């Protein structure tokens, strides 16, 4: 169900604008959290998830990768962060046991994203809220890990099948960020243009993902070296929530509540 990914953000290795997107998303989710049990799905190495920790919350990060989960626990366990290794389409939580669920940049990795959304709805309390962040389809760049892309209408339609109350807006950014993202994509496109025979789309998907996973760190260090490490001045302060969505906005941001219970 879940497409294994090697594109998780890593501090000082991932381009500034990508780190800033994740920082801004977690900032906006944290603003909307109260006390109780918070589950962060696809938490990776936990440096973003740790921002949710509070004396009034039990924060549990979930990731499919044991190494990432163990690393997060080592780094952030002293702040109260708990970690679990699970498939985010088969969550090991009781029905109606979680106050808040965060699904940040994970839904696009599912071949069947409805399974993930259904699980988020199932584990959420009737009074709880779930938050979803995912690339806005019109602005997403070719990425073999993104197997299911959403525009605002698609995302709202799927969430509405599992929640009674759904709001979909966007995480937008200043023009300086959009220009930087555009410049990085032009550089990436030059690399793709070297694939004259379009072999990446003809080879088996798993093989392309394997090549991409090995090439991505090199591309980030060589091609994007001027776009990382804080040198661009881009941070989460350049991002903000928009009530409306258009095709220039990079990220969709959705809030869902009142989970729909179905007898199984």
Protein backbone atom coordinates (compact mmCIF):
# COMPACT_ATOMS: atom_id res chain seq x y z
CA UNK A 1 0.00 0.00 0.00
CA UNK A 2 2.74 2.37 1.03
CA UNK A 3 5.45 3.36 -1.39
CA UNK A 4 8.85 3.24 0.30
CA UNK A 5 10.47 6.65 0.10
CA UNK A 6 13.99 8.00 0.41
CA UNK A 7 12.99 11.64 0.07
CA UNK A 8 12.34 12.44 3.73
CA UNK A 9 13.65 15.90 4.71
CA UNK A 10 16.98 15.97 6.54
CA UNK A 11 18.32 19.10 8.22
CA UNK A 12 21.34 20.68 6.49
CA UNK A 13 20.98 18.26 3.56
CA UNK A 14 17.56 19.10 2.09
CA UNK A 15 17.08 22.45 0.24
CA UNK A 16 16.01 25.36 2.45
CA UNK A 17 12.65 25.81 0.74
CA UNK A 18 11.71 22.16 1.29
CA UNK A 19 12.67 22.32 4.97
CA UNK A 20 10.71 25.59 5.24
CA UNK A 21 7.60 23.98 3.72
CA UNK A 22 7.68 21.27 6.37
CA UNK A 23 8.48 23.75 9.15
CA UNK A 24 5.54 25.93 8.15
CA UNK A 25 3.17 22.99 7.92
CA UNK A 26 4.07 21.73 11.38
CA UNK A 27 3.81 25.27 12.74
CA UNK A 28 0.26 25.60 11.43
CA UNK A 29 -0.75 22.20 12.78
CA UNK A 30 0.78 22.96 16.19
CA UNK A 31 -1.26 26.18 16.38
CA UNK A 32 -4.41 24.07 16.15
CA UNK A 33 -3.50 21.47 18.76
CA UNK A 34 -4.95 21.33 22.23
CA UNK A 35 -4.21 18.87 25.01
CA UNK A 36 -4.50 15.11 24.62
CA UNK A 37 -3.02 12.39 22.42
CA UNK A 38 -1.36 13.56 19.20
CA UNK A 39 -0.22 11.13 16.50
CA UNK A 40 2.15 12.29 13.77
CA UNK A 41 2.03 9.93 10.80
CA UNK A 42 5.18 9.63 8.71
CA UNK A 43 7.29 11.37 11.34
CA UNK A 44 10.69 10.35 9.96
CA UNK A 45 13.58 11.39 12.19
CA UNK A 46 11.25 13.36 14.43
CA UNK A 47 12.76 16.84 14.36
CA UNK A 48 9.41 18.26 13.23
CA UNK A 49 7.27 15.96 15.39
CA UNK A 50 9.17 17.03 18.50
CA UNK A 51 7.70 20.53 18.05
CA UNK A 52 4.32 19.12 19.09
CA UNK A 53 5.57 18.03 22.51
CA UNK A 54 4.01 19.74 25.51
CA UNK A 55 3.33 18.89 29.17
CA UNK A 56 -0.36 18.67 28.21
CA UNK A 57 0.09 16.26 25.29
CA UNK A 58 1.20 12.72 24.64
CA UNK A 59 2.91 12.89 21.24
CA UNK A 60 3.48 9.68 19.28
CA UNK A 61 5.45 9.68 16.03
CA UNK A 62 4.74 6.89 13.56
CA UNK A 63 7.03 5.76 10.75
CA UNK A 64 7.40 2.56 8.71
CA UNK A 65 11.21 2.70 8.97
CA UNK A 66 12.74 1.25 12.12
CA UNK A 67 16.00 3.18 11.76
CA UNK A 68 14.18 6.51 11.48
CA UNK A 69 11.92 5.70 14.42
CA UNK A 70 14.86 4.65 16.60
CA UNK A 71 16.85 7.75 15.65
CA UNK A 72 13.89 10.00 16.50
CA UNK A 73 13.46 8.34 19.89
CA UNK A 74 17.16 8.74 20.68
CA UNK A 75 17.20 12.42 19.72
CA UNK A 76 13.83 13.55 21.04
CA UNK A 77 12.73 11.02 23.65
CA UNK A 78 13.98 13.32 26.40
CA UNK A 79 11.34 15.85 25.28
CA UNK A 80 8.63 13.30 25.78
CA UNK A 81 8.33 12.09 22.19
CA UNK A 82 7.18 8.49 21.80
CA UNK A 83 7.75 6.53 18.58
CA UNK A 84 6.13 3.55 16.91
CA UNK A 85 6.83 1.60 13.73
CA UNK A 86 3.63 1.02 11.74
CA UNK A 87 2.14 0.98 8.27
CA UNK A 88 0.04 4.15 8.13
CA UNK A 89 -2.72 2.31 6.32
CA UNK A 90 -2.93 -0.24 9.17
CA UNK A 91 -2.54 1.69 12.40
CA UNK A 92 -2.28 -0.14 15.70
CA UNK A 93 -4.51 2.23 17.67
CA UNK A 94 -7.94 1.57 19.09
CA UNK A 95 -10.90 3.13 17.32
CA UNK A 96 -11.65 6.60 18.67
CA UNK A 97 -8.52 6.77 20.82
CA UNK A 98 -6.64 9.80 19.40
CA UNK A 99 -7.38 13.51 19.89
CA UNK A 100 -5.31 14.83 16.97
CA UNK A 101 -3.68 13.24 13.92
CA UNK A 102 -1.17 14.90 11.61
CA UNK A 103 -0.58 13.51 8.12
CA UNK A 104 2.14 15.69 6.64
CA UNK A 105 3.39 14.88 3.14
CA UNK A 106 2.52 11.20 3.32
CA UNK A 107 -0.86 10.75 1.61
CA UNK A 108 0.69 11.29 -1.84
CA UNK A 109 2.89 8.22 -1.29
CA UNK A 110 -0.02 5.78 -1.10
CA UNK A 111 -1.20 3.83 -4.12
CA UNK A 112 -4.56 3.67 -2.33
CA UNK A 113 -4.71 6.85 -0.21
CA UNK A 114 -8.28 6.10 0.88
CA UNK A 115 -6.90 3.35 3.13
CA UNK A 116 -4.74 5.89 4.94
CA UNK A 117 -7.58 8.39 5.32
CA UNK A 118 -9.93 5.68 6.56
CA UNK A 119 -7.45 4.71 9.27
CA UNK A 120 -6.98 8.32 10.37
CA UNK A 121 -10.75 8.65 10.62
CA UNK A 122 -11.05 5.39 12.55
CA UNK A 123 -8.52 6.20 15.28
CA UNK A 124 -9.76 9.77 15.78
CA UNK A 125 -12.11 10.62 18.64
CA UNK A 126 -15.51 12.07 17.72
CA UNK A 127 -14.27 15.40 19.11
CA UNK A 128 -10.86 15.16 17.44
CA UNK A 129 -9.27 16.82 14.41
CA UNK A 130 -6.99 15.56 11.66
CA UNK A 131 -4.62 17.65 9.57
CA UNK A 132 -3.43 16.77 6.06
CA UNK A 133 -0.66 18.45 4.08
CA UNK A 134 0.21 17.34 0.56
CA UNK A 135 1.63 18.89 -2.64
CA UNK A 136 -0.86 20.77 -4.79
CA UNK A 137 -1.04 18.75 -8.01
CA UNK A 138 -0.64 21.70 -10.44
CA UNK A 139 2.66 22.73 -8.81
CA UNK A 140 4.20 19.31 -8.11
CA UNK A 141 7.37 18.37 -9.96
CA UNK A 142 8.10 14.90 -11.29
CA UNK A 143 8.85 12.64 -8.35
CA UNK A 144 8.63 8.84 -8.49
CA UNK A 145 7.71 8.72 -4.80
CA UNK A 146 4.56 10.79 -5.38
CA UNK A 147 2.22 8.15 -6.73
CA UNK A 148 -1.13 9.88 -6.10
CA UNK A 149 -1.43 13.64 -6.49
CA UNK A 150 -4.35 15.79 -5.37
CA UNK A 151 -5.87 19.09 -6.35
CA UNK A 152 -8.12 20.80 -3.80
CA UNK A 153 -11.35 19.24 -5.10
CA UNK A 154 -9.90 15.73 -5.16
CA UNK A 155 -8.61 16.03 -1.61
CA UNK A 156 -11.88 17.41 -0.27
CA UNK A 157 -13.84 14.66 -2.04
CA UNK A 158 -11.73 11.91 -0.47
CA UNK A 159 -11.71 13.40 3.02
CA UNK A 160 -15.47 13.99 2.88
CA UNK A 161 -15.99 10.26 2.44
CA UNK A 162 -14.55 9.75 5.93
CA UNK A 163 -15.26 13.01 7.79
CA UNK A 164 -18.41 15.08 8.11
CA UNK A 165 -16.56 18.39 8.48
CA UNK A 166 -13.78 19.13 5.97
CA UNK A 167 -11.97 22.36 5.14
CA UNK A 168 -9.33 22.54 2.39
CA UNK A 169 -7.10 25.56 1.94
CA UNK A 170 -3.45 26.00 1.02
CA UNK A 171 -0.05 26.74 2.40
CA UNK A 172 1.11 29.58 0.17
CA UNK A 173 4.42 31.47 0.12
CA UNK A 174 6.09 34.70 -0.94
CA UNK A 175 7.37 35.16 -4.49
CA UNK A 176 10.99 34.80 -3.33
CA UNK A 177 10.21 31.18 -2.42
CA UNK A 178 8.33 30.47 -5.63
CA UNK A 179 11.27 31.85 -7.62
CA UNK A 180 13.74 29.65 -5.73
CA UNK A 181 11.58 26.56 -6.24
CA UNK A 182 11.23 27.39 -9.94
CA UNK A 183 15.01 27.78 -10.32
CA UNK A 184 15.66 24.44 -8.64
CA UNK A 185 13.17 22.73 -10.91
CA UNK A 186 14.80 24.21 -14.01
CA UNK A 187 18.09 22.67 -12.87
CA UNK A 188 16.38 19.34 -12.22
CA UNK A 189 14.71 19.46 -15.63
CA UNK A 190 18.13 19.84 -17.29
CA UNK A 191 19.13 16.55 -15.67
CA UNK A 192 15.92 14.86 -16.80
CA UNK A 193 16.54 16.20 -20.31
CA UNK A 194 19.67 14.02 -20.46
CA UNK A 195 17.33 11.02 -20.50
CA UNK A 196 16.86 11.32 -24.28
CA UNK A 197 15.05 8.01 -24.62
CA UNK A 198 12.77 8.52 -21.61
CA UNK A 199 14.21 5.40 -19.99
CA UNK A 200 13.03 6.40 -16.51
CA UNK A 201 9.43 5.93 -17.60
CA UNK A 202 10.13 2.70 -19.47
CA UNK A 203 12.12 0.84 -16.81
CA UNK A 204 10.34 -0.96 -13.94
CA UNK A 205 9.08 1.49 -11.31
CA UNK A 206 11.14 -0.10 -8.54
CA UNK A 207 14.31 0.23 -10.59
CA UNK A 208 13.66 3.92 -11.30
CA UNK A 209 13.00 4.52 -7.61
CA UNK A 210 16.28 2.78 -6.74
CA UNK A 211 18.22 5.02 -9.14
CA UNK A 212 16.37 8.12 -7.97
CA UNK A 213 17.08 7.31 -4.30
CA UNK A 214 20.79 7.12 -5.01
CA UNK A 215 20.90 10.16 -7.27
CA UNK A 216 18.82 12.48 -5.07
CA UNK A 217 21.44 13.01 -2.32
CA UNK A 218 24.08 13.69 -4.98
CA UNK A 219 21.81 16.14 -6.79
CA UNK A 220 21.05 17.96 -3.57
CA UNK A 221 24.72 18.28 -2.69
CA UNK A 222 25.96 19.21 -6.17
CA UNK A 223 23.11 20.78 -8.14
CA UNK A 224 21.31 22.36 -5.16
CA UNK A 225 24.35 23.22 -3.02
CA UNK A 226 23.49 26.95 -3.10
CA UNK A 227 19.91 26.22 -2.05
CA UNK A 228 20.59 24.62 1.33
CA UNK A 229 22.23 25.19 4.68
CA UNK A 230 20.40 28.45 5.32
CA UNK A 231 22.21 30.33 2.55
CA UNK A 232 18.99 31.32 0.77
CA UNK A 233 17.41 33.05 3.77
CA UNK A 234 14.22 31.09 3.16
CA UNK A 235 12.41 29.89 6.27
CA UNK A 236 8.90 29.15 7.45
CA UNK A 237 8.12 32.85 8.04
CA UNK A 238 7.66 33.21 4.26
CA UNK A 239 4.74 30.74 4.29
CA UNK A 240 1.16 31.39 5.32
CA UNK A 241 -2.25 29.71 5.20
CA UNK A 242 -4.62 30.75 2.41
CA UNK A 243 -8.38 30.23 2.69
CA UNK A 244 -8.57 29.81 -1.09
CA UNK A 245 -6.48 27.68 -3.45
CA UNK A 246 -5.08 28.41 -6.88
CA UNK A 247 -2.65 26.61 -9.17
CA UNK A 248 0.40 28.60 -7.98
CA UNK A 249 0.17 27.50 -4.34
CA UNK A 250 2.60 24.69 -3.51
CA UNK A 251 0.85 22.84 -0.68
CA UNK A 252 -2.72 21.88 0.18
CA UNK A 253 -3.66 22.14 3.85
CA UNK A 254 -6.80 20.39 5.08
CA UNK A 255 -8.52 20.12 8.45
CA UNK A 256 -11.00 17.28 8.98
CA UNK A 257 -13.20 16.49 11.96
CA UNK A 258 -16.31 14.50 12.96
CA UNK A 259 -15.14 11.10 11.71
CA UNK A 260 -17.77 9.02 9.98
CA UNK A 261 -18.24 5.68 11.73
CA UNK A 262 -19.09 2.69 9.59
CA UNK A 263 -20.06 -0.74 10.87
CA UNK A 264 -17.68 -3.39 9.59
